[in-house]
Amino acid sequence: MAKRKDLKSIVSDTCADLVAEVVAISLYEGQANHDNALNIISSILKMRNDYVKRISHPEPGMEPKVYFKKITESFMAEVSEIADHISNLHA
């Protein structure tokens, strides 16, 4: 299992990359998708804050290995969903 610090770093770096992608697309697409881009960035920041809190304060009574595996799978699913939204922003 990775250290909590490492997991937080992975979450933060992934979210920063997603935000950078949205900003780049919104700069090239112009004003047409500006509101959608802001909504996606907002959801990325909320997701980041949620996962950092969940990593910092694990659920009591749950085995840590299972808990962090569940968090990792959930995070990857949300990243995939946001990546889909970003690709739709392109269209």
N, C-alpha and C. Protein backbone atom coordinates (compact mmCIF):
# COMPACT_ATOMS: atom_id res chain seq x y z
N MET A 1 0.84 -1.18 0.00
CA MET A 1 0.00 0.00 0.00
C MET A 1 0.89 1.25 0.00
N ALA A 2 0.54 2.20 -0.79
CA ALA A 2 1.28 3.45 -0.85
C ALA A 2 1.02 4.27 0.41
N LYS A 3 1.93 5.15 0.69
CA LYS A 3 1.76 6.02 1.84
C LYS A 3 0.66 7.02 1.54
N ARG A 4 0.04 7.50 2.60
CA ARG A 4 -1.03 8.51 2.43
C ARG A 4 -0.52 9.73 1.68
N LYS A 5 0.69 10.14 2.01
CA LYS A 5 1.28 11.30 1.35
C LYS A 5 1.39 11.06 -0.16
N ASP A 6 1.80 9.85 -0.54
CA ASP A 6 1.92 9.52 -1.95
C ASP A 6 0.56 9.51 -2.64
N LEU A 7 -0.46 8.95 -1.96
CA LEU A 7 -1.80 8.93 -2.54
C LEU A 7 -2.35 10.34 -2.74
N LYS A 8 -2.12 11.20 -1.75
CA LYS A 8 -2.56 12.59 -1.88
C LYS A 8 -1.86 13.27 -3.05
N SER A 9 -0.58 12.99 -3.20
CA SER A 9 0.18 13.57 -4.30
C SER A 9 -0.35 13.10 -5.65
N ILE A 10 -0.67 11.82 -5.75
CA ILE A 10 -1.21 11.27 -6.99
C ILE A 10 -2.54 11.93 -7.32
N VAL A 11 -3.40 12.07 -6.32
CA VAL A 11 -4.71 12.70 -6.52
C VAL A 11 -4.53 14.14 -6.98
N SER A 12 -3.69 14.88 -6.29
CA SER A 12 -3.48 16.29 -6.63
C SER A 12 -2.87 16.46 -8.02
N ASP A 13 -1.88 15.63 -8.35
CA ASP A 13 -1.24 15.73 -9.66
C ASP A 13 -2.20 15.37 -10.79
N THR A 14 -3.00 14.34 -10.59
CA THR A 14 -3.97 13.93 -11.60
C THR A 14 -5.00 15.03 -11.82
N CYS A 15 -5.48 15.61 -10.74
CA CYS A 15 -6.46 16.69 -10.86
C CYS A 15 -5.86 17.92 -11.53
N ALA A 16 -4.62 18.22 -11.21
CA ALA A 16 -3.94 19.36 -11.86
C ALA A 16 -3.81 19.12 -13.36
N ASP A 17 -3.50 17.90 -13.75
CA ASP A 17 -3.41 17.58 -15.17
C ASP A 17 -4.76 17.72 -15.87
N LEU A 18 -5.82 17.29 -15.19
CA LEU A 18 -7.17 17.42 -15.76
C LEU A 18 -7.55 18.89 -15.94
N VAL A 19 -7.25 19.70 -14.93
CA VAL A 19 -7.57 21.14 -15.01
C VAL A 19 -6.77 21.77 -16.15
N ALA A 20 -5.50 21.41 -16.27
CA ALA A 20 -4.68 21.97 -17.36
C ALA A 20 -5.25 21.60 -18.72
N GLU A 21 -5.74 20.39 -18.85
CA GLU A 21 -6.34 19.95 -20.12
C GLU A 21 -7.59 20.78 -20.44
N VAL A 22 -8.42 21.00 -19.42
CA VAL A 22 -9.65 21.79 -19.63
C VAL A 22 -9.30 23.23 -20.02
N VAL A 23 -8.32 23.80 -19.34
CA VAL A 23 -7.91 25.17 -19.65
C VAL A 23 -7.38 25.26 -21.08
N ALA A 24 -6.56 24.31 -21.47
CA ALA A 24 -6.01 24.32 -22.83
C ALA A 24 -7.12 24.21 -23.87
N ILE A 25 -8.05 23.32 -23.66
CA ILE A 25 -9.16 23.17 -24.60
C ILE A 25 -10.00 24.43 -24.66
N SER A 26 -10.28 25.02 -23.50
CA SER A 26 -11.13 26.21 -23.48
C SER A 26 -10.44 27.39 -24.17
N LEU A 27 -9.12 27.46 -24.11
CA LEU A 27 -8.41 28.53 -24.79
C LEU A 27 -8.49 28.38 -26.31
N TYR A 28 -8.45 27.15 -26.77
CA TYR A 28 -8.50 26.91 -28.21
C TYR A 28 -9.92 26.92 -28.76
N GLU A 29 -10.88 26.59 -27.95
CA GLU A 29 -12.27 26.53 -28.41
C GLU A 29 -12.96 27.89 -28.36
N GLY A 30 -12.50 28.79 -27.56
CA GLY A 30 -13.12 30.10 -27.47
C GLY A 30 -14.22 30.15 -26.42
N GLN A 31 -15.08 31.13 -26.53
CA GLN A 31 -16.12 31.38 -25.54
C GLN A 31 -17.28 30.38 -25.57
N ALA A 32 -17.41 29.63 -26.61
CA ALA A 32 -18.57 28.75 -26.78
C ALA A 32 -18.70 27.75 -25.63
N ASN A 33 -17.61 27.22 -25.13
CA ASN A 33 -17.65 26.21 -24.08
C ASN A 33 -17.12 26.72 -22.75
N HIS A 34 -17.09 28.02 -22.57
CA HIS A 34 -16.51 28.61 -21.36
C HIS A 34 -17.25 28.16 -20.10
N ASP A 35 -18.57 28.20 -20.11
CA ASP A 35 -19.34 27.80 -18.93
C ASP A 35 -19.17 26.32 -18.63
N ASN A 36 -19.16 25.50 -19.67
CA ASN A 36 -18.94 24.07 -19.46
C ASN A 36 -17.55 23.81 -18.88
N ALA A 37 -16.56 24.53 -19.36
CA ALA A 37 -15.20 24.37 -18.86
C ALA A 37 -15.13 24.74 -17.38
N LEU A 38 -15.78 25.82 -17.00
CA LEU A 38 -15.79 26.22 -15.59
C LEU A 38 -16.48 25.18 -14.72
N ASN A 39 -17.56 24.60 -15.21
CA ASN A 39 -18.25 23.56 -14.45
C ASN A 39 -17.38 22.33 -14.28
N ILE A 40 -16.66 21.96 -15.31
CA ILE A 40 -15.77 20.80 -15.22
C ILE A 40 -14.63 21.07 -14.24
N ILE A 41 -14.05 22.26 -14.30
CA ILE A 41 -12.98 22.61 -13.37
C ILE A 41 -13.50 22.59 -11.94
N SER A 42 -14.68 23.11 -11.73
CA SER A 42 -15.28 23.09 -10.40
C SER A 42 -15.47 21.67 -9.88
N SER A 43 -15.94 20.78 -10.74
CA SER A 43 -16.13 19.39 -10.31
C SER A 43 -14.80 18.70 -10.03
N ILE A 44 -13.76 19.05 -10.78
CA ILE A 44 -12.44 18.47 -10.53
C ILE A 44 -11.92 18.92 -9.17
N LEU A 45 -12.07 20.19 -8.86
CA LEU A 45 -11.59 20.70 -7.57
C LEU A 45 -12.37 20.10 -6.40
N LYS A 46 -13.67 19.94 -6.56
CA LYS A 46 -14.46 19.29 -5.51
C LYS A 46 -14.03 17.85 -5.32
N MET A 47 -13.78 17.15 -6.43
CA MET A 47 -13.33 15.77 -6.36
C MET A 47 -11.99 15.68 -5.65
N ARG A 48 -11.08 16.57 -5.98
CA ARG A 48 -9.76 16.56 -5.35
C ARG A 48 -9.88 16.75 -3.84
N ASN A 49 -10.63 17.75 -3.43
CA ASN A 49 -10.79 18.02 -2.01
C ASN A 49 -11.44 16.83 -1.28
N ASP A 50 -12.42 16.23 -1.91
CA ASP A 50 -13.11 15.08 -1.30
C ASP A 50 -12.15 13.92 -1.09
N TYR A 51 -11.37 13.59 -2.10
CA TYR A 51 -10.47 12.44 -1.99
C TYR A 51 -9.31 12.70 -1.03
N VAL A 52 -8.81 13.91 -0.98
CA VAL A 52 -7.74 14.22 -0.02
C VAL A 52 -8.28 14.08 1.41
N LYS A 53 -9.50 14.55 1.64
CA LYS A 53 -10.10 14.39 2.97
C LYS A 53 -10.32 12.93 3.31
N ARG A 54 -10.79 12.15 2.34
CA ARG A 54 -11.04 10.74 2.58
C ARG A 54 -9.75 9.97 2.83
N ILE A 55 -8.67 10.37 2.19
CA ILE A 55 -7.38 9.73 2.43
C ILE A 55 -6.86 10.10 3.82
N SER A 56 -7.05 11.35 4.21
CA SER A 56 -6.56 11.81 5.51
C SER A 56 -7.31 11.20 6.68
N HIS A 57 -8.58 10.96 6.50
CA HIS A 57 -9.43 10.46 7.58
C HIS A 57 -10.16 9.21 7.14
N PRO A 58 -9.49 8.05 7.23
CA PRO A 58 -10.12 6.80 6.78
C PRO A 58 -11.33 6.43 7.64
N GLU A 59 -12.20 5.65 7.03
CA GLU A 59 -13.40 5.20 7.69
C GLU A 59 -13.04 4.27 8.84
N PRO A 60 -13.55 4.53 10.05
CA PRO A 60 -13.22 3.64 11.17
C PRO A 60 -13.90 2.28 11.01
N GLY A 61 -13.22 1.25 11.46
CA GLY A 61 -13.78 -0.08 11.42
C GLY A 61 -13.54 -0.82 10.13
N MET A 62 -12.97 -0.17 9.14
CA MET A 62 -12.70 -0.81 7.86
C MET A 62 -11.20 -1.09 7.76
N GLU A 63 -10.85 -2.24 7.24
CA GLU A 63 -9.44 -2.59 7.09
C GLU A 63 -8.79 -1.59 6.13
N PRO A 64 -7.65 -1.02 6.52
CA PRO A 64 -7.02 0.02 5.69
C PRO A 64 -6.73 -0.41 4.26
N LYS A 65 -6.26 -1.63 4.06
CA LYS A 65 -5.94 -2.09 2.71
C LYS A 65 -7.18 -2.08 1.82
N VAL A 66 -8.30 -2.56 2.35
CA VAL A 66 -9.56 -2.59 1.61
C VAL A 66 -10.06 -1.17 1.36
N TYR A 67 -9.96 -0.32 2.39
CA TYR A 67 -10.44 1.05 2.29
C TYR A 67 -9.70 1.82 1.19
N PHE A 68 -8.38 1.73 1.19
CA PHE A 68 -7.61 2.49 0.20
C PHE A 68 -7.74 1.90 -1.19
N LYS A 69 -7.95 0.61 -1.29
CA LYS A 69 -8.21 0.01 -2.61
C LYS A 69 -9.55 0.53 -3.15
N LYS A 70 -10.55 0.61 -2.27
CA LYS A 70 -11.87 1.12 -2.66
C LYS A 70 -11.77 2.59 -3.10
N ILE A 71 -11.01 3.37 -2.37
CA ILE A 71 -10.82 4.79 -2.73
C ILE A 71 -10.13 4.91 -4.09
N THR A 72 -9.10 4.10 -4.31
CA THR A 72 -8.36 4.15 -5.57
C THR A 72 -9.25 3.80 -6.75
N GLU A 73 -10.05 2.76 -6.61
CA GLU A 73 -10.95 2.36 -7.70
C GLU A 73 -12.00 3.43 -7.96
N SER A 74 -12.53 4.00 -6.89
CA SER A 74 -13.53 5.05 -7.03
C SER A 74 -12.94 6.29 -7.71
N PHE A 75 -11.71 6.64 -7.32
CA PHE A 75 -11.05 7.81 -7.91
C PHE A 75 -10.82 7.61 -9.40
N MET A 76 -10.34 6.43 -9.76
CA MET A 76 -10.09 6.15 -11.18
C MET A 76 -11.37 6.19 -12.00
N ALA A 77 -12.47 5.73 -11.42
CA ALA A 77 -13.75 5.78 -12.12
C ALA A 77 -14.19 7.23 -12.34
N GLU A 78 -14.01 8.08 -11.33
CA GLU A 78 -14.39 9.48 -11.48
C GLU A 78 -13.48 10.20 -12.47
N VAL A 79 -12.20 9.87 -12.46
CA VAL A 79 -11.27 10.48 -13.43
C VAL A 79 -11.68 10.11 -14.85
N SER A 80 -12.05 8.86 -15.03
CA SER A 80 -12.50 8.41 -16.35
C SER A 80 -13.76 9.16 -16.79
N GLU A 81 -14.67 9.36 -15.87
CA GLU A 81 -15.91 10.09 -16.17
C GLU A 81 -15.61 11.54 -16.55
N ILE A 82 -14.71 12.17 -15.80
CA ILE A 82 -14.36 13.56 -16.10
C ILE A 82 -13.61 13.65 -17.42
N ALA A 83 -12.78 12.66 -17.72
CA ALA A 83 -12.08 12.64 -19.01
C ALA A 83 -13.08 12.56 -20.15
N ASP A 84 -14.17 11.82 -19.96
CA ASP A 84 -15.22 11.77 -20.97
C ASP A 84 -15.87 13.14 -21.16
N HIS A 85 -16.11 13.83 -20.06
CA HIS A 85 -16.68 15.18 -20.14
C HIS A 85 -15.73 16.13 -20.88
N ILE A 86 -14.45 15.97 -20.61
CA ILE A 86 -13.46 16.82 -21.27
C ILE A 86 -13.44 16.53 -22.78
N SER A 87 -13.52 15.27 -23.15
CA SER A 87 -13.52 14.95 -24.57
C SER A 87 -14.78 15.47 -25.26
N ASN A 88 -15.91 15.51 -24.53
CA ASN A 88 -17.13 16.08 -25.08
C ASN A 88 -17.03 17.60 -25.22
N LEU A 89 -16.19 18.20 -24.39
CA LEU A 89 -15.97 19.64 -24.46
C LEU A 89 -15.28 19.99 -25.77
N HIS A 90 -14.49 19.09 -26.27
CA HIS A 90 -13.75 19.26 -27.51
C HIS A 90 -14.68 19.30 -28.73
N ALA A 91 -15.75 18.53 -28.66
CA ALA A 91 -16.65 18.38 -29.82
C ALA A 91 -17.53 19.58 -30.03
